[in-house]
Structures are given as structure tokens and as C-alpha cells.
Amino acid sequence: TKSFNNIKMGATNEQLKAVADALTPLQGWTPY
């Protein structure tokens, strides 16, 4: 598990999904 704290509270779920999609290839593992 990787956690990213203090996310902007006004961020939409779609925005967070876009960020997660951008971060997952950098980790080298398959997102579960």
C-alpha cells in the first residue's frame, strides 16, 4: 500500500483517479 496524505479536499474523485493513473506506472507494480 502507498498512501498520499493531505490531498486537496476539493479535488474530485475523477481528478484523484487521474493522479493515481499517472503515479502507478512509476511504481513498477500492478495496481490492485
PDB file of all heavy atoms in Angstrom:
ATOM      1  N   THR A   1       0.830  -1.203   0.000  1.00  0.00           N
ATOM      2  CA  THR A   1       0.000   0.000   0.000  1.00  0.00           C
ATOM      3  C   THR A   1       0.865   1.253   0.000  1.00  0.00           C
ATOM      4  O   THR A   1       1.835   1.340   0.751  1.00  0.00           O
ATOM      5  CB  THR A   1      -0.906   0.012   1.246  1.00  0.00           C
ATOM      6  OG1 THR A   1      -1.714  -1.170   1.230  1.00  0.00           O
ATOM      7  CG2 THR A   1      -1.800   1.235   1.271  1.00  0.00           C
ATOM      8  N   LYS A   2       0.510   2.192  -0.858  1.00  0.00           N
ATOM      9  CA  LYS A   2       1.139   3.523  -0.875  1.00  0.00           C
ATOM     10  C   LYS A   2       0.050   4.536  -0.576  1.00  0.00           C
ATOM     11  O   LYS A   2      -1.016   4.521  -1.191  1.00  0.00           O
ATOM     12  CB  LYS A   2       1.740   3.840  -2.251  1.00  0.00           C
ATOM     13  CG  LYS A   2       2.925   3.002  -2.615  1.00  0.00           C
ATOM     14  CD  LYS A   2       4.154   3.536  -1.950  1.00  0.00           C
ATOM     15  CE  LYS A   2       5.386   2.859  -2.516  1.00  0.00           C
ATOM     16  NZ  LYS A   2       6.595   3.459  -2.077  1.00  0.00           N
ATOM     17  N   SER A   3       0.301   5.413   0.387  1.00  0.00           N
ATOM     18  CA  SER A   3      -0.668   6.437   0.763  1.00  0.00           C
ATOM     19  C   SER A   3      -0.097   7.819   0.486  1.00  0.00           C
ATOM     20  O   SER A   3       1.084   8.073   0.737  1.00  0.00           O
ATOM     21  CB  SER A   3      -1.007   6.332   2.249  1.00  0.00           C
ATOM     22  OG  SER A   3      -1.612   5.100   2.527  1.00  0.00           O
ATOM     23  N   PHE A   4      -0.942   8.678  -0.014  1.00  0.00           N
ATOM     24  CA  PHE A   4      -0.585  10.071  -0.283  1.00  0.00           C
ATOM     25  C   PHE A   4      -1.524  10.927   0.554  1.00  0.00           C
ATOM     26  O   PHE A   4      -2.722  11.029   0.270  1.00  0.00           O
ATOM     27  CB  PHE A   4      -0.710  10.380  -1.772  1.00  0.00           C
ATOM     28  CG  PHE A   4       0.162   9.493  -2.621  1.00  0.00           C
ATOM     29  CD1 PHE A   4      -0.310   8.281  -3.103  1.00  0.00           C
ATOM     30  CD2 PHE A   4       1.473   9.851  -2.903  1.00  0.00           C
ATOM     31  CE1 PHE A   4       0.485   7.449  -3.873  1.00  0.00           C
ATOM     32  CE2 PHE A   4       2.283   9.021  -3.669  1.00  0.00           C
ATOM     33  CZ  PHE A   4       1.786   7.821  -4.146  1.00  0.00           C
ATOM     34  N   ASN A   5      -0.971  11.508   1.623  1.00  0.00           N
ATOM     35  CA  ASN A   5      -1.763  12.261   2.598  1.00  0.00           C
ATOM     36  C   ASN A   5      -1.925  13.717   2.186  1.00  0.00           C
ATOM     37  O   ASN A   5      -1.223  14.223   1.315  1.00  0.00           O
ATOM     38  CB  ASN A   5      -1.096  12.189   3.969  1.00  0.00           C
ATOM     39  CG  ASN A   5      -1.065  10.780   4.500  1.00  0.00           C
ATOM     40  OD1 ASN A   5      -2.060  10.078   4.452  1.00  0.00           O
ATOM     41  ND2 ASN A   5       0.083  10.356   4.990  1.00  0.00           N
ATOM     42  N   ASN A   6      -2.844  14.377   2.876  1.00  0.00           N
ATOM     43  CA  ASN A   6      -3.104  15.808   2.709  1.00  0.00           C
ATOM     44  C   ASN A   6      -3.464  16.172   1.275  1.00  0.00           C
ATOM     45  O   ASN A   6      -3.006  17.179   0.747  1.00  0.00           O
ATOM     46  CB  ASN A   6      -1.928  16.638   3.210  1.00  0.00           C
ATOM     47  CG  ASN A   6      -1.662  16.421   4.677  1.00  0.00           C
ATOM     48  OD1 ASN A   6      -2.598  16.391   5.474  1.00  0.00           O
ATOM     49  ND2 ASN A   6      -0.412  16.252   5.047  1.00  0.00           N
ATOM     50  N   ILE A   7      -4.277  15.333   0.646  1.00  0.00           N
ATOM     51  CA  ILE A   7      -4.786  15.629  -0.685  1.00  0.00           C
ATOM     52  C   ILE A   7      -5.726  16.826  -0.567  1.00  0.00           C
ATOM     53  O   ILE A   7      -6.456  16.960   0.423  1.00  0.00           O
ATOM     54  CB  ILE A   7      -5.549  14.398  -1.248  1.00  0.00           C
ATOM     55  CG1 ILE A   7      -4.621  13.201  -1.370  1.00  0.00           C
ATOM     56  CG2 ILE A   7      -6.224  14.715  -2.564  1.00  0.00           C
ATOM     57  CD1 ILE A   7      -3.488  13.375  -2.344  1.00  0.00           C
ATOM     58  N   LYS A   8      -5.711  17.684  -1.559  1.00  0.00           N
ATOM     59  CA  LYS A   8      -6.605  18.839  -1.557  1.00  0.00           C
ATOM     60  C   LYS A   8      -8.046  18.347  -1.412  1.00  0.00           C
ATOM     61  O   LYS A   8      -8.523  17.543  -2.213  1.00  0.00           O
ATOM     62  CB  LYS A   8      -6.432  19.626  -2.852  1.00  0.00           C
ATOM     63  CG  LYS A   8      -7.199  20.904  -2.890  1.00  0.00           C
ATOM     64  CD  LYS A   8      -6.870  21.667  -4.159  1.00  0.00           C
ATOM     65  CE  LYS A   8      -7.655  22.961  -4.195  1.00  0.00           C
ATOM     66  NZ  LYS A   8      -7.346  23.722  -5.415  1.00  0.00           N
ATOM     67  N   MET A   9      -8.719  18.811  -0.390  1.00  0.00           N
ATOM     68  CA  MET A   9     -10.047  18.295  -0.077  1.00  0.00           C
ATOM     69  C   MET A   9     -11.068  18.611  -1.164  1.00  0.00           C
ATOM     70  O   MET A   9     -12.052  17.903  -1.316  1.00  0.00           O
ATOM     71  CB  MET A   9     -10.498  18.810   1.284  1.00  0.00           C
ATOM     72  CG  MET A   9      -9.709  18.184   2.426  1.00  0.00           C
ATOM     73  SD  MET A   9     -10.279  18.688   4.037  1.00  0.00           S
ATOM     74  CE  MET A   9      -9.217  20.093   4.318  1.00  0.00           C
ATOM     75  N   GLY A  10     -10.821  19.636  -1.950  1.00  0.00           N
ATOM     76  CA  GLY A  10     -11.737  19.990  -3.021  1.00  0.00           C
ATOM     77  C   GLY A  10     -11.532  19.186  -4.290  1.00  0.00           C
ATOM     78  O   GLY A  10     -12.294  19.328  -5.245  1.00  0.00           O
ATOM     79  N   ALA A  11     -10.521  18.332  -4.331  1.00  0.00           N
ATOM     80  CA  ALA A  11     -10.248  17.524  -5.520  1.00  0.00           C
ATOM     81  C   ALA A  11     -11.384  16.529  -5.741  1.00  0.00           C
ATOM     82  O   ALA A  11     -11.851  15.893  -4.798  1.00  0.00           O
ATOM     83  CB  ALA A  11      -8.924  16.786  -5.374  1.00  0.00           C
ATOM     84  N   THR A  12     -11.807  16.402  -6.977  1.00  0.00           N
ATOM     85  CA  THR A  12     -12.871  15.457  -7.297  1.00  0.00           C
ATOM     86  C   THR A  12     -12.304  14.039  -7.367  1.00  0.00           C
ATOM     87  O   THR A  12     -11.087  13.849  -7.482  1.00  0.00           O
ATOM     88  CB  THR A  12     -13.531  15.795  -8.645  1.00  0.00           C
ATOM     89  OG1 THR A  12     -12.563  15.610  -9.691  1.00  0.00           O
ATOM     90  CG2 THR A  12     -14.066  17.212  -8.662  1.00  0.00           C
ATOM     91  N   ASN A  13     -13.183  13.065  -7.324  1.00  0.00           N
ATOM     92  CA  ASN A  13     -12.754  11.675  -7.461  1.00  0.00           C
ATOM     93  C   ASN A  13     -12.109  11.439  -8.820  1.00  0.00           C
ATOM     94  O   ASN A  13     -11.148  10.686  -8.931  1.00  0.00           O
ATOM     95  CB  ASN A  13     -13.931  10.730  -7.256  1.00  0.00           C
ATOM     96  CG  ASN A  13     -14.424  10.725  -5.819  1.00  0.00           C
ATOM     97  OD1 ASN A  13     -13.707  11.101  -4.905  1.00  0.00           O
ATOM     98  ND2 ASN A  13     -15.657  10.310  -5.628  1.00  0.00           N
ATOM     99  N   GLU A  14     -12.622  12.091  -9.856  1.00  0.00           N
ATOM    100  CA  GLU A  14     -12.052  11.952 -11.199  1.00  0.00           C
ATOM    101  C   GLU A  14     -10.629  12.510 -11.248  1.00  0.00           C
ATOM    102  O   GLU A  14      -9.754  11.942 -11.895  1.00  0.00           O
ATOM    103  CB  GLU A  14     -12.942  12.655 -12.231  1.00  0.00           C
ATOM    104  CG  GLU A  14     -14.288  11.990 -12.444  1.00  0.00           C
ATOM    105  CD  GLU A  14     -15.306  12.305 -11.343  1.00  0.00           C
ATOM    106  OE1 GLU A  14     -15.142  13.312 -10.605  1.00  0.00           O
ATOM    107  OE2 GLU A  14     -16.262  11.521 -11.203  1.00  0.00           O
ATOM    108  N   GLN A  15     -10.390  13.625 -10.556  1.00  0.00           N
ATOM    109  CA  GLN A  15      -9.046  14.194 -10.502  1.00  0.00           C
ATOM    110  C   GLN A  15      -8.090  13.260  -9.762  1.00  0.00           C
ATOM    111  O   GLN A  15      -6.942  13.076 -10.185  1.00  0.00           O
ATOM    112  CB  GLN A  15      -9.078  15.574  -9.841  1.00  0.00           C
ATOM    113  CG  GLN A  15      -9.746  16.630 -10.684  1.00  0.00           C
ATOM    114  CD  GLN A  15      -9.997  17.918  -9.931  1.00  0.00           C
ATOM    115  OE1 GLN A  15     -10.252  17.914  -8.730  1.00  0.00           O
ATOM    116  NE2 GLN A  15      -9.918  19.035 -10.657  1.00  0.00           N
ATOM    117  N   LEU A  16      -8.539  12.687  -8.671  1.00  0.00           N
ATOM    118  CA  LEU A  16      -7.686  11.748  -7.930  1.00  0.00           C
ATOM    119  C   LEU A  16      -7.390  10.500  -8.757  1.00  0.00           C
ATOM    120  O   LEU A  16      -6.283   9.985  -8.726  1.00  0.00           O
ATOM    121  CB  LEU A  16      -8.338  11.349  -6.608  1.00  0.00           C
ATOM    122  CG  LEU A  16      -8.309  12.390  -5.505  1.00  0.00           C
ATOM    123  CD1 LEU A  16      -8.926  11.827  -4.236  1.00  0.00           C
ATOM    124  CD2 LEU A  16      -6.912  12.876  -5.237  1.00  0.00           C
ATOM    125  N   LYS A  17      -8.374  10.031  -9.501  1.00  0.00           N
ATOM    126  CA  LYS A  17      -8.157   8.869 -10.384  1.00  0.00           C
ATOM    127  C   LYS A  17      -7.106   9.190 -11.433  1.00  0.00           C
ATOM    128  O   LYS A  17      -6.232   8.366 -11.723  1.00  0.00           O
ATOM    129  CB  LYS A  17      -9.485   8.487 -11.048  1.00  0.00           C
ATOM    130  CG  LYS A  17      -9.388   7.402 -12.091  1.00  0.00           C
ATOM    131  CD  LYS A  17      -9.264   6.033 -11.473  1.00  0.00           C
ATOM    132  CE  LYS A  17      -9.496   4.939 -12.488  1.00  0.00           C
ATOM    133  NZ  LYS A  17      -8.342   4.496 -13.191  1.00  0.00           N
ATOM    134  N   ALA A  18      -7.140  10.416 -11.991  1.00  0.00           N
ATOM    135  CA  ALA A  18      -6.146  10.823 -12.985  1.00  0.00           C
ATOM    136  C   ALA A  18      -4.745  10.859 -12.363  1.00  0.00           C
ATOM    137  O   ALA A  18      -3.770  10.419 -12.980  1.00  0.00           O
ATOM    138  CB  ALA A  18      -6.511  12.179 -13.572  1.00  0.00           C
ATOM    139  N   VAL A  19      -4.645  11.342 -11.146  1.00  0.00           N
ATOM    140  CA  VAL A  19      -3.354  11.373 -10.447  1.00  0.00           C
ATOM    141  C   VAL A  19      -2.870   9.952 -10.181  1.00  0.00           C
ATOM    142  O   VAL A  19      -1.702   9.622 -10.411  1.00  0.00           O
ATOM    143  CB  VAL A  19      -3.460  12.172  -9.125  1.00  0.00           C
ATOM    144  CG1 VAL A  19      -2.228  11.979  -8.260  1.00  0.00           C
ATOM    145  CG2 VAL A  19      -3.686  13.642  -9.418  1.00  0.00           C
ATOM    146  N   ALA A  20      -3.764   9.089  -9.699  1.00  0.00           N
ATOM    147  CA  ALA A  20      -3.394   7.692  -9.433  1.00  0.00           C
ATOM    148  C   ALA A  20      -2.947   7.001 -10.712  1.00  0.00           C
ATOM    149  O   ALA A  20      -1.960   6.258 -10.703  1.00  0.00           O
ATOM    150  CB  ALA A  20      -4.569   6.956  -8.804  1.00  0.00           C
ATOM    151  N   ASP A  21      -3.649   7.264 -11.813  1.00  0.00           N
ATOM    152  CA  ASP A  21      -3.265   6.661 -13.095  1.00  0.00           C
ATOM    153  C   ASP A  21      -1.888   7.136 -13.547  1.00  0.00           C
ATOM    154  O   ASP A  21      -1.137   6.383 -14.167  1.00  0.00           O
ATOM    155  CB  ASP A  21      -4.307   6.978 -14.170  1.00  0.00           C
ATOM    156  CG  ASP A  21      -5.603   6.213 -13.967  1.00  0.00           C
ATOM    157  OD1 ASP A  21      -5.599   5.199 -13.240  1.00  0.00           O
ATOM    158  OD2 ASP A  21      -6.626   6.638 -14.547  1.00  0.00           O
ATOM    159  N   ALA A  22      -1.539   8.379 -13.231  1.00  0.00           N
ATOM    160  CA  ALA A  22      -0.221   8.907 -13.595  1.00  0.00           C
ATOM    161  C   ALA A  22       0.884   8.349 -12.697  1.00  0.00           C
ATOM    162  O   ALA A  22       2.019   8.161 -13.136  1.00  0.00           O
ATOM    163  CB  ALA A  22      -0.228  10.432 -13.524  1.00  0.00           C
ATOM    164  N   LEU A  23       0.552   8.064 -11.435  1.00  0.00           N
ATOM    165  CA  LEU A  23       1.563   7.579 -10.478  1.00  0.00           C
ATOM    166  C   LEU A  23       1.830   6.083 -10.586  1.00  0.00           C
ATOM    167  O   LEU A  23       2.945   5.636 -10.305  1.00  0.00           O
ATOM    168  CB  LEU A  23       1.118   7.896  -9.044  1.00  0.00           C
ATOM    169  CG  LEU A  23       1.126   9.356  -8.633  1.00  0.00           C
ATOM    170  CD1 LEU A  23       0.495   9.524  -7.262  1.00  0.00           C
ATOM    171  CD2 LEU A  23       2.536   9.914  -8.648  1.00  0.00           C
ATOM    172  N   THR A  24       0.849   5.291 -10.970  1.00  0.00           N
ATOM    173  CA  THR A  24       1.024   3.835 -10.940  1.00  0.00           C
ATOM    174  C   THR A  24       2.149   3.326 -11.837  1.00  0.00           C
ATOM    175  O   THR A  24       2.887   2.433 -11.402  1.00  0.00           O
ATOM    176  CB  THR A  24      -0.289   3.092 -11.252  1.00  0.00           C
ATOM    177  OG1 THR A  24      -0.817   3.559 -12.482  1.00  0.00           O
ATOM    178  CG2 THR A  24      -1.303   3.288 -10.158  1.00  0.00           C
ATOM    179  N   PRO A  25       2.376   3.859 -13.050  1.00  0.00           N
ATOM    180  CA  PRO A  25       3.494   3.330 -13.848  1.00  0.00           C
ATOM    181  C   PRO A  25       4.861   3.608 -13.217  1.00  0.00           C
ATOM    182  O   PRO A  25       5.816   2.871 -13.458  1.00  0.00           O
ATOM    183  CB  PRO A  25       3.372   4.052 -15.188  1.00  0.00           C
ATOM    184  CG  PRO A  25       1.998   4.602 -15.229  1.00  0.00           C
ATOM    185  CD  PRO A  25       1.578   4.803 -13.817  1.00  0.00           C
ATOM    186  N   LEU A  26       4.944   4.639 -12.386  1.00  0.00           N
ATOM    187  CA  LEU A  26       6.215   4.987 -11.743  1.00  0.00           C
ATOM    188  C   LEU A  26       6.598   3.995 -10.648  1.00  0.00           C
ATOM    189  O   LEU A  26       7.765   3.916 -10.265  1.00  0.00           O
ATOM    190  CB  LEU A  26       6.136   6.398 -11.144  1.00  0.00           C
ATOM    191  CG  LEU A  26       5.791   7.516 -12.120  1.00  0.00           C
ATOM    192  CD1 LEU A  26       5.602   8.827 -11.376  1.00  0.00           C
ATOM    193  CD2 LEU A  26       6.878   7.649 -13.173  1.00  0.00           C
ATOM    194  N   GLN A  27       5.625   3.241 -10.144  1.00  0.00           N
ATOM    195  CA  GLN A  27       5.881   2.322  -9.043  1.00  0.00           C
ATOM    196  C   GLN A  27       6.445   0.978  -9.508  1.00  0.00           C
ATOM    197  O   GLN A  27       7.101   0.287  -8.749  1.00  0.00           O
ATOM    198  CB  GLN A  27       4.598   2.097  -8.235  1.00  0.00           C
ATOM    199  CG  GLN A  27       4.027   3.359  -7.639  1.00  0.00           C
ATOM    200  CD  GLN A  27       4.970   4.042  -6.673  1.00  0.00           C
ATOM    201  OE1 GLN A  27       5.582   3.402  -5.820  1.00  0.00           O
ATOM    202  NE2 GLN A  27       5.104   5.342  -6.811  1.00  0.00           N
ATOM    203  N   GLY A  28       6.145   0.585 -10.735  1.00  0.00           N
ATOM    204  CA  GLY A  28       6.677  -0.675 -11.252  1.00  0.00           C
ATOM    205  C   GLY A  28       5.880  -1.908 -10.858  1.00  0.00           C
ATOM    206  O   GLY A  28       6.331  -3.027 -11.088  1.00  0.00           O
ATOM    207  N   TRP A  29       4.724  -1.731 -10.230  1.00  0.00           N
ATOM    208  CA  TRP A  29       3.874  -2.846  -9.836  1.00  0.00           C
ATOM    209  C   TRP A  29       2.504  -2.698 -10.482  1.00  0.00           C
ATOM    210  O   TRP A  29       2.125  -1.632 -10.948  1.00  0.00           O
ATOM    211  CB  TRP A  29       3.696  -2.908  -8.321  1.00  0.00           C
ATOM    212  CG  TRP A  29       4.962  -3.114  -7.558  1.00  0.00           C
ATOM    213  CD1 TRP A  29       5.860  -4.117  -7.724  1.00  0.00           C
ATOM    214  CD2 TRP A  29       5.468  -2.288  -6.512  1.00  0.00           C
ATOM    215  NE1 TRP A  29       6.893  -3.974  -6.836  1.00  0.00           N
ATOM    216  CE2 TRP A  29       6.675  -2.858  -6.074  1.00  0.00           C
ATOM    217  CE3 TRP A  29       5.020  -1.140  -5.896  1.00  0.00           C
ATOM    218  CZ2 TRP A  29       7.435  -2.323  -5.053  1.00  0.00           C
ATOM    219  CZ3 TRP A  29       5.772  -0.586  -4.882  1.00  0.00           C
ATOM    220  CH2 TRP A  29       6.975  -1.182  -4.477  1.00  0.00           C
ATOM    221  N   THR A  30       1.733  -3.756 -10.443  1.00  0.00           N
ATOM    222  CA  THR A  30       0.386  -3.747 -10.992  1.00  0.00           C
ATOM    223  C   THR A  30      -0.581  -3.151  -9.978  1.00  0.00           C
ATOM    224  O   THR A  30      -0.618  -3.602  -8.827  1.00  0.00           O
ATOM    225  CB  THR A  30      -0.059  -5.199 -11.322  1.00  0.00           C
ATOM    226  OG1 THR A  30       0.897  -5.771 -12.206  1.00  0.00           O
ATOM    227  CG2 THR A  30      -1.433  -5.225 -11.944  1.00  0.00           C
ATOM    228  N   PRO A  31      -1.369  -2.138 -10.364  1.00  0.00           N
ATOM    229  CA  PRO A  31      -2.350  -1.603  -9.412  1.00  0.00           C
ATOM    230  C   PRO A  31      -3.433  -2.627  -9.110  1.00  0.00           C
ATOM    231  O   PRO A  31      -3.929  -3.303 -10.011  1.00  0.00           O
ATOM    232  CB  PRO A  31      -2.919  -0.373 -10.123  1.00  0.00           C
ATOM    233  CG  PRO A  31      -2.577  -0.538 -11.552  1.00  0.00           C
ATOM    234  CD  PRO A  31      -1.384  -1.432 -11.631  1.00  0.00           C
ATOM    235  N   TYR A  32      -3.759  -2.785  -7.845  1.00  0.00           N
ATOM    236  CA  TYR A  32      -4.775  -3.739  -7.398  1.00  0.00           C
ATOM    237  C   TYR A  32      -6.087  -3.013  -7.114  1.00  0.00           C
ATOM    238  O   TYR A  32      -7.149  -3.462  -7.493  1.00  0.00           O
ATOM    239  CB  TYR A  32      -4.250  -4.452  -6.150  1.00  0.00           C
ATOM    240  CG  TYR A  32      -5.118  -5.554  -5.624  1.00  0.00           C
ATOM    241  CD1 TYR A  32      -5.140  -6.801  -6.234  1.00  0.00           C
ATOM    242  CD2 TYR A  32      -5.906  -5.362  -4.495  1.00  0.00           C
ATOM    243  CE1 TYR A  32      -5.919  -7.828  -5.743  1.00  0.00           C
ATOM    244  CE2 TYR A  32      -6.690  -6.381  -3.994  1.00  0.00           C
ATOM    245  CZ  TYR A  32      -6.697  -7.605  -4.617  1.00  0.00           C
ATOM    246  OH  TYR A  32      -7.481  -8.618  -4.126  1.00  0.00           O
TER     247      TYR A  32
END
